[in-house]
Amino acid sequence: MEDNKRQDQQINIELSEEVAEGTYSNLAMIAHSNSEFVIDFIRLMPGVPKAKVKSRIIVTPDHAKRLLAALKDNIEKYEAAFGKINQGGGSPSFPISFGKPGEA
């Protein structure tokens, strides 16, 4: 019975033109408190010592864990279709301080 209720529920999601265009980000910084995860999506330009946060998303720990599972699932599907993602030379290095880890 519970499965039928879930199938009957529909959510209409609106996507404005501005949001549909997307925002390019090549770096994400994640911090957390006991009640939320804060994900800052940043655009880091080569040779520029300053970077801008382009978007900040705040989610509950439960949603953060679901996001992790969804990303893992999508990466596995992507690699099955297009081949393994090469992570290159590892983490970027930059002289930027974002505060203490774990603060939100």
PDB file of N, CA and C in Angstrom:
ATOM      1  N   MET A   1       0.822  -1.196   0.000  1.00  0.00           N
ATOM      2  CA  MET A   1       0.000   0.000   0.000  1.00  0.00           C
ATOM      3  C   MET A   1       0.868   1.263   0.000  1.00  0.00           C
ATOM      4  N   GLU A   2       1.948   1.219   0.773  1.00  0.00           N
ATOM      5  CA  GLU A   2       2.846   2.372   0.847  1.00  0.00           C
ATOM      6  C   GLU A   2       3.447   2.698  -0.517  1.00  0.00           C
ATOM      7  N   ASP A   3       3.831   1.661  -1.301  1.00  0.00           N
ATOM      8  CA  ASP A   3       4.401   1.885  -2.625  1.00  0.00           C
ATOM      9  C   ASP A   3       3.405   2.578  -3.548  1.00  0.00           C
ATOM     10  N   ASN A   4       2.131   2.238  -3.457  1.00  0.00           N
ATOM     11  CA  ASN A   4       1.108   2.884  -4.280  1.00  0.00           C
ATOM     12  C   ASN A   4       0.998   4.366  -3.959  1.00  0.00           C
ATOM     13  N   LYS A   5       1.086   4.723  -2.675  1.00  0.00           N
ATOM     14  CA  LYS A   5       1.023   6.127  -2.276  1.00  0.00           C
ATOM     15  C   LYS A   5       2.189   6.899  -2.877  1.00  0.00           C
ATOM     16  N   ARG A   6       3.370   6.312  -2.859  1.00  0.00           N
ATOM     17  CA  ARG A   6       4.551   6.985  -3.409  1.00  0.00           C
ATOM     18  C   ARG A   6       4.415   7.184  -4.906  1.00  0.00           C
ATOM     19  N   GLN A   7       3.874   6.213  -5.621  1.00  0.00           N
ATOM     20  CA  GLN A   7       3.715   6.322  -7.061  1.00  0.00           C
ATOM     21  C   GLN A   7       2.665   7.367  -7.428  1.00  0.00           C
ATOM     22  N   ASP A   8       1.634   7.528  -6.596  1.00  0.00           N
ATOM     23  CA  ASP A   8       0.570   8.480  -6.876  1.00  0.00           C
ATOM     24  C   ASP A   8       1.011   9.925  -6.644  1.00  0.00           C
ATOM     25  N   GLN A   9       2.002  10.138  -5.774  1.00  0.00           N
ATOM     26  CA  GLN A   9       2.465  11.489  -5.479  1.00  0.00           C
ATOM     27  C   GLN A   9       3.336  11.999  -6.617  1.00  0.00           C
ATOM     28  N   GLN A  10       3.007  13.198  -7.091  1.00  0.00           N
ATOM     29  CA  GLN A  10       3.816  13.831  -8.125  1.00  0.00           C
ATOM     30  C   GLN A  10       4.229  15.208  -7.638  1.00  0.00           C
ATOM     31  N   ILE A  11       5.430  15.585  -7.984  1.00  0.00           N
ATOM     32  CA  ILE A  11       5.927  16.911  -7.645  1.00  0.00           C
ATOM     33  C   ILE A  11       6.174  17.647  -8.947  1.00  0.00           C
ATOM     34  N   ASN A  12       5.575  18.808  -9.095  1.00  0.00           N
ATOM     35  CA  ASN A  12       5.833  19.651 -10.253  1.00  0.00           C
ATOM     36  C   ASN A  12       7.001  20.562  -9.912  1.00  0.00           C
ATOM     37  N   ILE A  13       8.051  20.448 -10.698  1.00  0.00           N
ATOM     38  CA  ILE A  13       9.263  21.223 -10.451  1.00  0.00           C
ATOM     39  C   ILE A  13       9.394  22.292 -11.523  1.00  0.00           C
ATOM     40  N   GLU A  14       9.536  23.543 -11.098  1.00  0.00           N
ATOM     41  CA  GLU A  14       9.721  24.646 -12.032  1.00  0.00           C
ATOM     42  C   GLU A  14      11.210  24.910 -12.210  1.00  0.00           C
ATOM     43  N   LEU A  15      11.588  25.238 -13.423  1.00  0.00           N
ATOM     44  CA  LEU A  15      12.977  25.562 -13.734  1.00  0.00           C
ATOM     45  C   LEU A  15      12.978  26.836 -14.566  1.00  0.00           C
ATOM     46  N   SER A  16      13.411  27.931 -13.957  1.00  0.00           N
ATOM     47  CA  SER A  16      13.437  29.204 -14.688  1.00  0.00           C
ATOM     48  C   SER A  16      14.546  29.158 -15.745  1.00  0.00           C
ATOM     49  N   GLU A  17      14.443  30.042 -16.726  1.00  0.00           N
ATOM     50  CA  GLU A  17      15.460  30.095 -17.782  1.00  0.00           C
ATOM     51  C   GLU A  17      16.838  30.403 -17.206  1.00  0.00           C
ATOM     52  N   GLU A  18      16.877  31.318 -16.248  1.00  0.00           N
ATOM     53  CA  GLU A  18      18.151  31.714 -15.643  1.00  0.00           C
ATOM     54  C   GLU A  18      18.815  30.530 -14.941  1.00  0.00           C
ATOM     55  N   VAL A  19      18.050  29.770 -14.167  1.00  0.00           N
ATOM     56  CA  VAL A  19      18.602  28.620 -13.460  1.00  0.00           C
ATOM     57  C   VAL A  19      18.943  27.509 -14.450  1.00  0.00           C
ATOM     58  N   ALA A  20      18.137  27.347 -15.493  1.00  0.00           N
ATOM     59  CA  ALA A  20      18.363  26.297 -16.490  1.00  0.00           C
ATOM     60  C   ALA A  20      19.696  26.480 -17.220  1.00  0.00           C
ATOM     61  N   GLU A  21      20.179  27.713 -17.329  1.00  0.00           N
ATOM     62  CA  GLU A  21      21.468  27.975 -17.977  1.00  0.00           C
ATOM     63  C   GLU A  21      22.617  27.369 -17.198  1.00  0.00           C
ATOM     64  N   GLY A  22      22.450  27.218 -15.891  1.00  0.00           N
ATOM     65  CA  GLY A  22      23.492  26.634 -15.054  1.00  0.00           C
ATOM     66  C   GLY A  22      24.585  27.626 -14.716  1.00  0.00           C
ATOM     67  N   THR A  23      25.420  27.236 -13.779  1.00  0.00           N
ATOM     68  CA  THR A  23      26.561  28.037 -13.359  1.00  0.00           C
ATOM     69  C   THR A  23      27.779  27.127 -13.335  1.00  0.00           C
ATOM     70  N   TYR A  24      28.809  27.505 -14.065  1.00  0.00           N
ATOM     71  CA  TYR A  24      30.018  26.689 -14.117  1.00  0.00           C
ATOM     72  C   TYR A  24      30.785  26.802 -12.808  1.00  0.00           C
ATOM     73  N   SER A  25      31.231  25.669 -12.302  1.00  0.00           N
ATOM     74  CA  SER A  25      32.047  25.606 -11.099  1.00  0.00           C
ATOM     75  C   SER A  25      33.105  24.531 -11.295  1.00  0.00           C
ATOM     76  N   ASN A  26      34.328  24.824 -10.873  1.00  0.00           N
ATOM     77  CA  ASN A  26      35.380  23.817 -10.974  1.00  0.00           C
ATOM     78  C   ASN A  26      36.024  23.527  -9.613  1.00  0.00           C
ATOM     79  N   LEU A  27      35.339  23.962  -8.556  1.00  0.00           N
ATOM     80  CA  LEU A  27      35.820  23.702  -7.207  1.00  0.00           C
ATOM     81  C   LEU A  27      34.627  23.770  -6.257  1.00  0.00           C
ATOM     82  N   ALA A  28      34.587  22.860  -5.297  1.00  0.00           N
ATOM     83  CA  ALA A  28      33.545  22.904  -4.269  1.00  0.00           C
ATOM     84  C   ALA A  28      34.210  22.795  -2.905  1.00  0.00           C
ATOM     85  N   MET A  29      33.746  23.610  -1.988  1.00  0.00           N
ATOM     86  CA  MET A  29      34.216  23.565  -0.608  1.00  0.00           C
ATOM     87  C   MET A  29      33.015  23.175   0.242  1.00  0.00           C
ATOM     88  N   ILE A  30      33.222  22.241   1.156  1.00  0.00           N
ATOM     89  CA  ILE A  30      32.127  21.744   1.975  1.00  0.00           C
ATOM     90  C   ILE A  30      32.467  21.936   3.448  1.00  0.00           C
ATOM     91  N   ALA A  31      31.508  22.477   4.177  1.00  0.00           N
ATOM     92  CA  ALA A  31      31.636  22.635   5.627  1.00  0.00           C
ATOM     93  C   ALA A  31      30.351  22.101   6.250  1.00  0.00           C
ATOM     94  N   HIS A  32      30.391  21.844   7.545  1.00  0.00           N
ATOM     95  CA  HIS A  32      29.185  21.332   8.193  1.00  0.00           C
ATOM     96  C   HIS A  32      29.119  21.748   9.654  1.00  0.00           C
ATOM     97  N   SER A  33      27.890  21.758  10.144  1.00  0.00           N
ATOM     98  CA  SER A  33      27.625  21.924  11.569  1.00  0.00           C
ATOM     99  C   SER A  33      26.862  20.676  11.993  1.00  0.00           C
ATOM    100  N   ASN A  34      26.316  20.672  13.197  1.00  0.00           N
ATOM    101  CA  ASN A  34      25.573  19.491  13.622  1.00  0.00           C
ATOM    102  C   ASN A  34      24.224  19.380  12.913  1.00  0.00           C
ATOM    103  N   SER A  35      23.768  20.437  12.248  1.00  0.00           N
ATOM    104  CA  SER A  35      22.440  20.398  11.643  1.00  0.00           C
ATOM    105  C   SER A  35      22.395  20.642  10.146  1.00  0.00           C
ATOM    106  N   GLU A  36      23.545  20.970   9.519  1.00  0.00           N
ATOM    107  CA  GLU A  36      23.509  21.252   8.082  1.00  0.00           C
ATOM    108  C   GLU A  36      24.877  21.089   7.436  1.00  0.00           C
ATOM    109  N   PHE A  37      24.840  20.872   6.130  1.00  0.00           N
ATOM    110  CA  PHE A  37      26.032  20.863   5.297  1.00  0.00           C
ATOM    111  C   PHE A  37      25.931  22.075   4.379  1.00  0.00           C
ATOM    112  N   VAL A  38      27.033  22.804   4.246  1.00  0.00           N
ATOM    113  CA  VAL A  38      27.088  23.966   3.374  1.00  0.00           C
ATOM    114  C   VAL A  38      28.065  23.636   2.247  1.00  0.00           C
ATOM    115  N   ILE A  39      27.560  23.704   1.020  1.00  0.00           N
ATOM    116  CA  ILE A  39      28.389  23.404  -0.149  1.00  0.00           C
ATOM    117  C   ILE A  39      28.522  24.681  -0.971  1.00  0.00           C
ATOM    118  N   ASP A  40      29.744  25.205  -1.055  1.00  0.00           N
ATOM    119  CA  ASP A  40      30.024  26.380  -1.869  1.00  0.00           C
ATOM    120  C   ASP A  40      30.613  25.919  -3.194  1.00  0.00           C
ATOM    121  N   PHE A  41      29.970  26.327  -4.285  1.00  0.00           N
ATOM    122  CA  PHE A  41      30.465  26.028  -5.622  1.00  0.00           C
ATOM    123  C   PHE A  41      31.209  27.260  -6.111  1.00  0.00           C
ATOM    124  N   ILE A  42      32.483  27.054  -6.490  1.00  0.00           N
ATOM    125  CA  ILE A  42      33.415  28.150  -6.757  1.00  0.00           C
ATOM    126  C   ILE A  42      33.955  28.030  -8.176  1.00  0.00           C
ATOM    127  N   ARG A  43      34.191  29.176  -8.788  1.00  0.00           N
ATOM    128  CA  ARG A  43      34.854  29.202 -10.093  1.00  0.00           C
ATOM    129  C   ARG A  43      36.264  29.721  -9.865  1.00  0.00           C
ATOM    130  N   LEU A  44      37.250  28.850 -10.081  1.00  0.00           N
ATOM    131  CA  LEU A  44      38.662  29.187  -9.908  1.00  0.00           C
ATOM    132  C   LEU A  44      39.276  29.341 -11.294  1.00  0.00           C
ATOM    133  N   MET A  45      39.817  30.510 -11.577  1.00  0.00           N
ATOM    134  CA  MET A  45      40.409  30.774 -12.888  1.00  0.00           C
ATOM    135  C   MET A  45      41.924  30.633 -12.807  1.00  0.00           C
ATOM    136  N   PRO A  46      42.552  30.005 -13.802  1.00  0.00           N
ATOM    137  CA  PRO A  46      44.005  29.836 -13.794  1.00  0.00           C
ATOM    138  C   PRO A  46      44.721  31.183 -13.734  1.00  0.00           C
ATOM    139  N   GLY A  47      45.718  31.255 -12.875  1.00  0.00           N
ATOM    140  CA  GLY A  47      46.535  32.462 -12.778  1.00  0.00           C
ATOM    141  C   GLY A  47      45.892  33.610 -12.012  1.00  0.00           C
ATOM    142  N   VAL A  48      44.683  33.417 -11.497  1.00  0.00           N
ATOM    143  CA  VAL A  48      44.011  34.470 -10.741  1.00  0.00           C
ATOM    144  C   VAL A  48      43.981  34.045  -9.278  1.00  0.00           C
ATOM    145  N   PRO A  49      44.590  34.841  -8.382  1.00  0.00           N
ATOM    146  CA  PRO A  49      44.702  34.422  -6.982  1.00  0.00           C
ATOM    147  C   PRO A  49      43.405  34.547  -6.177  1.00  0.00           C
ATOM    148  N   LYS A  50      42.358  35.059  -6.795  1.00  0.00           N
ATOM    149  CA  LYS A  50      41.094  35.251  -6.093  1.00  0.00           C
ATOM    150  C   LYS A  50      40.005  34.449  -6.805  1.00  0.00           C
ATOM    151  N   ALA A  51      39.162  33.778  -6.031  1.00  0.00           N
ATOM    152  CA  ALA A  51      38.072  32.993  -6.612  1.00  0.00           C
ATOM    153  C   ALA A  51      36.758  33.442  -6.003  1.00  0.00           C
ATOM    154  N   LYS A  52      35.666  33.286  -6.764  1.00  0.00           N
ATOM    155  CA  LYS A  52      34.357  33.705  -6.288  1.00  0.00           C
ATOM    156  C   LYS A  52      33.454  32.506  -6.064  1.00  0.00           C
ATOM    157  N   VAL A  53      32.724  32.546  -4.955  1.00  0.00           N
ATOM    158  CA  VAL A  53      31.675  31.559  -4.741  1.00  0.00           C
ATOM    159  C   VAL A  53      30.542  31.938  -5.682  1.00  0.00           C
ATOM    160  N   LYS A  54      30.150  31.011  -6.549  1.00  0.00           N
ATOM    161  CA  LYS A  54      29.097  31.271  -7.519  1.00  0.00           C
ATOM    162  C   LYS A  54      27.732  30.821  -7.014  1.00  0.00           C
ATOM    163  N   SER A  55      27.733  29.849  -6.102  1.00  0.00           N
ATOM    164  CA  SER A  55      26.474  29.364  -5.553  1.00  0.00           C
ATOM    165  C   SER A  55      26.740  28.681  -4.225  1.00  0.00           C
ATOM    166  N   ARG A  56      25.820  28.841  -3.279  1.00  0.00           N
ATOM    167  CA  ARG A  56      25.921  28.164  -1.983  1.00  0.00           C
ATOM    168  C   ARG A  56      24.642  27.360  -1.793  1.00  0.00           C
ATOM    169  N   ILE A  57      24.805  26.081  -1.507  1.00  0.00           N
ATOM    170  CA  ILE A  57      23.677  25.197  -1.256  1.00  0.00           C
ATOM    171  C   ILE A  57      23.799  24.693   0.178  1.00  0.00           C
ATOM    172  N   ILE A  58      22.705  24.770   0.924  1.00  0.00           N
ATOM    173  CA  ILE A  58      22.678  24.319   2.312  1.00  0.00           C
ATOM    174  C   ILE A  58      21.668  23.188   2.410  1.00  0.00           C
ATOM    175  N   VAL A  59      22.113  22.039   2.924  1.00  0.00           N
ATOM    176  CA  VAL A  59      21.245  20.863   3.021  1.00  0.00           C
ATOM    177  C   VAL A  59      21.360  20.232   4.406  1.00  0.00           C
ATOM    178  N   THR A  60      20.352  19.444   4.746  1.00  0.00           N
ATOM    179  CA  THR A  60      20.382  18.703   6.011  1.00  0.00           C
ATOM    180  C   THR A  60      21.344  17.526   5.869  1.00  0.00           C
ATOM    181  N   PRO A  61      21.815  16.965   6.967  1.00  0.00           N
ATOM    182  CA  PRO A  61      22.684  15.789   6.885  1.00  0.00           C
ATOM    183  C   PRO A  61      22.029  14.628   6.114  1.00  0.00           C
ATOM    184  N   ASP A  62      20.731  14.432   6.301  1.00  0.00           N
ATOM    185  CA  ASP A  62      20.007  13.387   5.582  1.00  0.00           C
ATOM    186  C   ASP A  62      20.061  13.616   4.067  1.00  0.00           C
ATOM    187  N   HIS A  63      19.829  14.851   3.642  1.00  0.00           N
ATOM    188  CA  HIS A  63      19.888  15.169   2.215  1.00  0.00           C
ATOM    189  C   HIS A  63      21.317  15.068   1.677  1.00  0.00           C
ATOM    190  N   ALA A  64      22.299  15.438   2.489  1.00  0.00           N
ATOM    191  CA  ALA A  64      23.696  15.325   2.059  1.00  0.00           C
ATOM    192  C   ALA A  64      24.054  13.869   1.770  1.00  0.00           C
ATOM    193  N   LYS A  65      23.581  12.971   2.622  1.00  0.00           N
ATOM    194  CA  LYS A  65      23.872  11.550   2.418  1.00  0.00           C
ATOM    195  C   LYS A  65      23.171  11.028   1.166  1.00  0.00           C
ATOM    196  N   ARG A  66      21.929  11.483   0.928  1.00  0.00           N
ATOM    197  CA  ARG A  66      21.220  11.084  -0.298  1.00  0.00           C
ATOM    198  C   ARG A  66      21.907  11.643  -1.537  1.00  0.00           C
ATOM    199  N   LEU A  67      22.417  12.870  -1.440  1.00  0.00           N
ATOM    200  CA  LEU A  67      23.151  13.466  -2.553  1.00  0.00           C
ATOM    201  C   LEU A  67      24.404  12.655  -2.861  1.00  0.00           C
ATOM    202  N   LEU A  68      25.123  12.251  -1.830  1.00  0.00           N
ATOM    203  CA  LEU A  68      26.309  11.417  -2.007  1.00  0.00           C
ATOM    204  C   LEU A  68      25.963  10.123  -2.743  1.00  0.00           C
ATOM    205  N   ALA A  69      24.881   9.464  -2.333  1.00  0.00           N
ATOM    206  CA  ALA A  69      24.467   8.218  -2.975  1.00  0.00           C
ATOM    207  C   ALA A  69      24.059   8.459  -4.430  1.00  0.00           C
ATOM    208  N   ALA A  70      23.355   9.559  -4.683  1.00  0.00           N
ATOM    209  CA  ALA A  70      22.926   9.869  -6.050  1.00  0.00           C
ATOM    210  C   ALA A  70      24.123  10.181  -6.945  1.00  0.00           C
ATOM    211  N   LEU A  71      25.102  10.926  -6.424  1.00  0.00           N
ATOM    212  CA  LEU A  71      26.317  11.208  -7.200  1.00  0.00           C
ATOM    213  C   LEU A  71      27.085   9.928  -7.502  1.00  0.00           C
ATOM    214  N   LYS A  72      27.215   9.065  -6.510  1.00  0.00           N
ATOM    215  CA  LYS A  72      27.920   7.788  -6.699  1.00  0.00           C
ATOM    216  C   LYS A  72      27.232   6.971  -7.788  1.00  0.00           C
ATOM    217  N   ASP A  73      25.916   6.878  -7.727  1.00  0.00           N
ATOM    218  CA  ASP A  73      25.152   6.122  -8.720  1.00  0.00           C
ATOM    219  C   ASP A  73      25.340   6.718 -10.122  1.00  0.00           C
ATOM    220  N   ASN A  74      25.270   8.032 -10.232  1.00  0.00           N
ATOM    221  CA  ASN A  74      25.420   8.679 -11.530  1.00  0.00           C
ATOM    222  C   ASN A  74      26.835   8.566 -12.079  1.00  0.00           C
ATOM    223  N   ILE A  75      27.829   8.631 -11.219  1.00  0.00           N
ATOM    224  CA  ILE A  75      29.217   8.470 -11.678  1.00  0.00           C
ATOM    225  C   ILE A  75      29.426   7.047 -12.201  1.00  0.00           C
ATOM    226  N   GLU A  76      28.895   6.066 -11.509  1.00  0.00           N
ATOM    227  CA  GLU A  76      29.002   4.674 -11.974  1.00  0.00           C
ATOM    228  C   GLU A  76      28.342   4.505 -13.341  1.00  0.00           C
ATOM    229  N   LYS A  77      27.173   5.091 -13.539  1.00  0.00           N
ATOM    230  CA  LYS A  77      26.474   5.013 -14.834  1.00  0.00           C
ATOM    231  C   LYS A  77      27.260   5.737 -15.921  1.00  0.00           C
ATOM    232  N   TYR A  78      27.814   6.901 -15.589  1.00  0.00           N
ATOM    233  CA  TYR A  78      28.623   7.662 -16.536  1.00  0.00           C
ATOM    234  C   TYR A  78      29.830   6.839 -16.980  1.00  0.00           C
ATOM    235  N   GLU A  79      30.559   6.267 -15.999  1.00  0.00           N
ATOM    236  CA  GLU A  79      31.762   5.498 -16.330  1.00  0.00           C
ATOM    237  C   GLU A  79      31.431   4.234 -17.113  1.00  0.00           C
ATOM    238  N   ALA A  80      30.279   3.643 -16.862  1.00  0.00           N
ATOM    239  CA  ALA A  80      29.866   2.467 -17.635  1.00  0.00           C
ATOM    240  C   ALA A  80      29.614   2.846 -19.098  1.00  0.00           C
ATOM    241  N   ALA A  81      29.106   4.050 -19.315  1.00  0.00           N
ATOM    242  CA  ALA A  81      28.794   4.496 -20.675  1.00  0.00           C
ATOM    243  C   ALA A  81      29.990   5.117 -21.394  1.00  0.00           C
ATOM    244  N   PHE A  82      30.832   5.862 -20.671  1.00  0.00           N
ATOM    245  CA  PHE A  82      31.876   6.657 -21.316  1.00  0.00           C
ATOM    246  C   PHE A  82      33.300   6.321 -20.895  1.00  0.00           C
ATOM    247  N   GLY A  83      33.471   5.415 -19.959  1.00  0.00           N
ATOM    248  CA  GLY A  83      34.800   5.066 -19.487  1.00  0.00           C
ATOM    249  C   GLY A  83      35.145   5.773 -18.184  1.00  0.00           C
ATOM    250  N   LYS A  84      36.186   5.279 -17.563  1.00  0.00           N
ATOM    251  CA  LYS A  84      36.600   5.777 -16.252  1.00  0.00           C
ATOM    252  C   LYS A  84      36.980   7.257 -16.309  1.00  0.00           C
ATOM    253  N   ILE A  85      36.591   7.984 -15.297  1.00  0.00           N
ATOM    254  CA  ILE A  85      36.931   9.404 -15.189  1.00  0.00           C
ATOM    255  C   ILE A  85      38.361   9.507 -14.672  1.00  0.00           C
ATOM    256  N   ASN A  86      39.215  10.205 -15.428  1.00  0.00           N
ATOM    257  CA  ASN A  86      40.596  10.416 -15.029  1.00  0.00           C
ATOM    258  C   ASN A  86      40.649  11.632 -14.114  1.00  0.00           C
ATOM    259  N   GLN A  87      41.114  11.443 -12.886  1.00  0.00           N
ATOM    260  CA  GLN A  87      41.152  12.539 -11.925  1.00  0.00           C
ATOM    261  C   GLN A  87      42.372  13.428 -12.061  1.00  0.00           C
ATOM    262  N   GLY A  88      43.221  13.182 -13.020  1.00  0.00           N
ATOM    263  CA  GLY A  88      44.356  14.058 -13.281  1.00  0.00           C
ATOM    264  C   GLY A  88      45.374  14.048 -12.166  1.00  0.00           C
ATOM    265  N   GLY A  89      45.897  15.229 -11.876  1.00  0.00           N
ATOM    266  CA  GLY A  89      46.985  15.371 -10.912  1.00  0.00           C
ATOM    267  C   GLY A  89      46.565  15.497  -9.467  1.00  0.00           C
ATOM    268  N   GLY A  90      45.339  15.202  -9.125  1.00  0.00           N
ATOM    269  CA  GLY A  90      44.920  15.282  -7.731  1.00  0.00           C
ATOM    270  C   GLY A  90      44.251  16.594  -7.402  1.00  0.00           C
ATOM    271  N   SER A  91      44.343  16.987  -6.153  1.00  0.00           N
ATOM    272  CA  SER A  91      43.661  18.180  -5.665  1.00  0.00           C
ATOM    273  C   SER A  91      44.345  19.455  -6.149  1.00  0.00           C
ATOM    274  N   PRO A  92      43.541  20.497  -6.421  1.00  0.00           N
ATOM    275  CA  PRO A  92      44.161  21.775  -6.793  1.00  0.00           C
ATOM    276  C   PRO A  92      44.839  22.393  -5.582  1.00  0.00           C
ATOM    277  N   SER A  93      45.880  23.186  -5.833  1.00  0.00           N
ATOM    278  CA  SER A  93      46.520  23.886  -4.721  1.00  0.00           C
ATOM    279  C   SER A  93      46.333  25.376  -4.936  1.00  0.00           C
ATOM    280  N   PHE A  94      45.982  26.045  -3.877  1.00  0.00           N
ATOM    281  CA  PHE A  94      45.740  27.472  -3.974  1.00  0.00           C
ATOM    282  C   PHE A  94      45.887  28.076  -2.580  1.00  0.00           C
ATOM    283  N   PRO A  95      46.287  29.332  -2.510  1.00  0.00           N
ATOM    284  CA  PRO A  95      46.503  29.971  -1.211  1.00  0.00           C
ATOM    285  C   PRO A  95      45.260  30.708  -0.698  1.00  0.00           C
ATOM    286  N   ILE A  96      44.160  29.976  -0.541  1.00  0.00           N
ATOM    287  CA  ILE A  96      42.925  30.610  -0.106  1.00  0.00           C
ATOM    288  C   ILE A  96      42.479  29.989   1.201  1.00  0.00           C
ATOM    289  N   SER A  97      42.137  30.806   2.186  1.00  0.00           N
ATOM    290  CA  SER A  97      41.641  30.305   3.460  1.00  0.00           C
ATOM    291  C   SER A  97      40.129  30.426   3.497  1.00  0.00           C
ATOM    292  N   PHE A  98      39.445  29.322   3.838  1.00  0.00           N
ATOM    293  CA  PHE A  98      37.994  29.310   3.896  1.00  0.00           C
ATOM    294  C   PHE A  98      37.493  29.138   5.311  1.00  0.00           C
ATOM    295  N   GLY A  99      38.301  29.375   6.305  1.00  0.00           N
ATOM    296  CA  GLY A  99      37.864  29.216   7.679  1.00  0.00           C
ATOM    297  C   GLY A  99      38.183  27.838   8.195  1.00  0.00           C
ATOM    298  N   LYS A 100      37.738  27.578   9.406  1.00  0.00           N
ATOM    299  CA  LYS A 100      38.023  26.295  10.043  1.00  0.00           C
ATOM    300  C   LYS A 100      37.123  25.204   9.482  1.00  0.00           C
ATOM    301  N   PRO A 101      37.660  23.992   9.235  1.00  0.00           N
ATOM    302  CA  PRO A 101      36.819  22.895   8.765  1.00  0.00           C
ATOM    303  C   PRO A 101      35.722  22.592   9.789  1.00  0.00           C
ATOM    304  N   GLY A 102      34.550  22.295   9.300  1.00  0.00           N
ATOM    305  CA  GLY A 102      33.448  21.940  10.164  1.00  0.00           C
ATOM    306  C   GLY A 102      32.568  23.104  10.572  1.00  0.00           C
ATOM    307  N   GLU A 103      32.968  24.326  10.260  1.00  0.00           N
ATOM    308  CA  GLU A 103      32.126  25.468  10.579  1.00  0.00           C
ATOM    309  C   GLU A 103      31.119  25.677   9.465  1.00  0.00           C
ATOM    310  N   ALA A 104      29.943  26.133   9.826  1.00  0.00           N
ATOM    311  CA  ALA A 104      28.929  26.438   8.803  1.00  0.00           C
ATOM    312  C   ALA A 104      28.529  27.889   8.888  1.00  0.00           C
TER     313      ALA A 104
END
